[in-house]
Amino acid sequence: MVITYTVRFQPWDGSWLLSGPVGARGRLLFQSAREAASHARWAARSEGGTIEVFDPQGKPFKTIEVEPDQTVNDGYVLPSA
């Protein structure tokens, strides 16, 4: 199963909505599309996923594929004594 993140412009408040497996209800607001896509890339780093970015008119702008990074959780492994 591929995780999908979506970045869309919210014209009523001028923010960018990131939806997907993020935030308390699967939604976060950002001031720019770049910030939203950056957060989605960070969120997808361990499992991988697809980020779909739409322009302010709602047309597809860019699709970003994020490969899983298996070394993400290496920092949490304690060395044996």
Protein backbone atom coordinates (compact mmCIF):
# COMPACT_ATOMS: atom_id res chain seq x y z
CA MET A 1 0.00 0.00 0.00
CA VAL A 2 1.41 3.38 -1.03
CA ILE A 3 0.80 6.26 1.35
CA THR A 4 -0.46 9.39 -0.41
CA TYR A 5 -0.07 12.96 0.79
CA THR A 6 -1.96 15.79 -0.92
CA VAL A 7 -1.08 19.51 -0.96
CA ARG A 8 -3.91 21.89 -1.96
CA PHE A 9 -4.45 25.65 -1.75
CA GLN A 10 -7.22 26.91 0.55
CA PRO A 11 -8.42 30.19 -1.05
CA TRP A 12 -10.64 31.27 1.85
CA ASP A 13 -7.67 31.72 4.20
CA GLY A 14 -4.69 31.70 1.82
CA SER A 15 -3.09 28.63 3.38
CA TRP A 16 -1.92 25.32 1.96
CA LEU A 17 -3.54 22.14 3.27
CA LEU A 18 -1.48 18.98 3.65
CA SER A 19 -3.69 15.94 4.00
CA GLY A 20 -2.64 12.36 4.59
CA PRO A 21 -1.33 10.52 7.64
CA VAL A 22 -0.22 13.76 9.35
CA GLY A 23 -1.52 15.86 12.22
CA ALA A 24 -4.23 15.01 14.69
CA ARG A 25 -6.94 14.61 12.05
CA GLY A 26 -4.87 13.91 8.96
CA ARG A 27 -4.59 17.60 8.06
CA LEU A 28 -2.04 20.36 8.61
CA LEU A 29 -2.02 23.98 7.33
CA PHE A 30 1.07 25.77 5.98
CA GLN A 31 1.87 29.23 4.61
CA SER A 32 3.37 27.85 1.38
CA ALA A 33 3.13 24.79 -0.83
CA ARG A 34 6.89 24.32 -0.43
CA GLU A 35 6.56 24.07 3.37
CA ALA A 36 3.68 21.60 3.07
CA ALA A 37 5.55 19.40 0.56
CA SER A 38 8.69 19.53 2.72
CA HIS A 39 6.75 18.34 5.76
CA ALA A 40 5.13 15.56 3.70
CA ARG A 41 8.57 14.44 2.49
CA TRP A 42 9.77 14.38 6.12
CA ALA A 43 6.68 12.42 7.22
CA ALA A 44 7.13 9.89 4.39
CA ARG A 45 10.82 9.25 4.98
CA SER A 46 10.44 5.99 6.93
CA GLU A 47 7.68 4.29 4.90
CA GLY A 48 7.92 6.10 1.58
CA GLY A 49 4.94 7.47 -0.28
CA THR A 50 3.59 9.79 -2.95
CA ILE A 51 3.09 13.54 -2.59
CA GLU A 52 0.54 15.08 -4.98
CA VAL A 53 0.82 18.87 -5.24
CA PHE A 54 -1.94 20.93 -6.87
CA ASP A 55 -1.64 24.54 -8.06
CA PRO A 56 -3.87 27.33 -6.70
CA GLN A 57 -6.45 26.59 -9.42
CA GLY A 58 -6.69 22.95 -8.31
CA LYS A 59 -4.84 21.47 -11.30
CA PRO A 60 -2.16 18.81 -10.75
CA PHE A 61 1.22 20.53 -10.52
CA LYS A 62 3.73 17.91 -9.39
CA THR A 63 3.90 14.35 -8.11
CA ILE A 64 6.82 13.49 -5.85
CA GLU A 65 7.78 9.88 -5.11
CA VAL A 66 9.54 9.37 -1.77
CA GLU A 67 11.56 6.19 -1.34
CA PRO A 68 11.63 4.67 2.16
CA ASP A 69 14.83 5.31 4.09
CA GLN A 70 15.66 2.31 6.26
CA THR A 71 18.32 4.25 8.17
CA VAL A 72 15.78 6.70 9.67
CA ASN A 73 15.34 4.71 12.88
CA ASP A 74 19.01 3.73 13.24
CA GLY A 75 19.54 6.67 15.62
CA TYR A 76 17.15 5.09 18.13
CA VAL A 77 19.07 1.83 18.52
CA LEU A 78 21.17 1.73 21.66
CA PRO A 79 24.56 0.10 21.34
CA SER A 80 25.14 -3.02 23.38
CA ALA A 81 27.65 -2.71 26.21
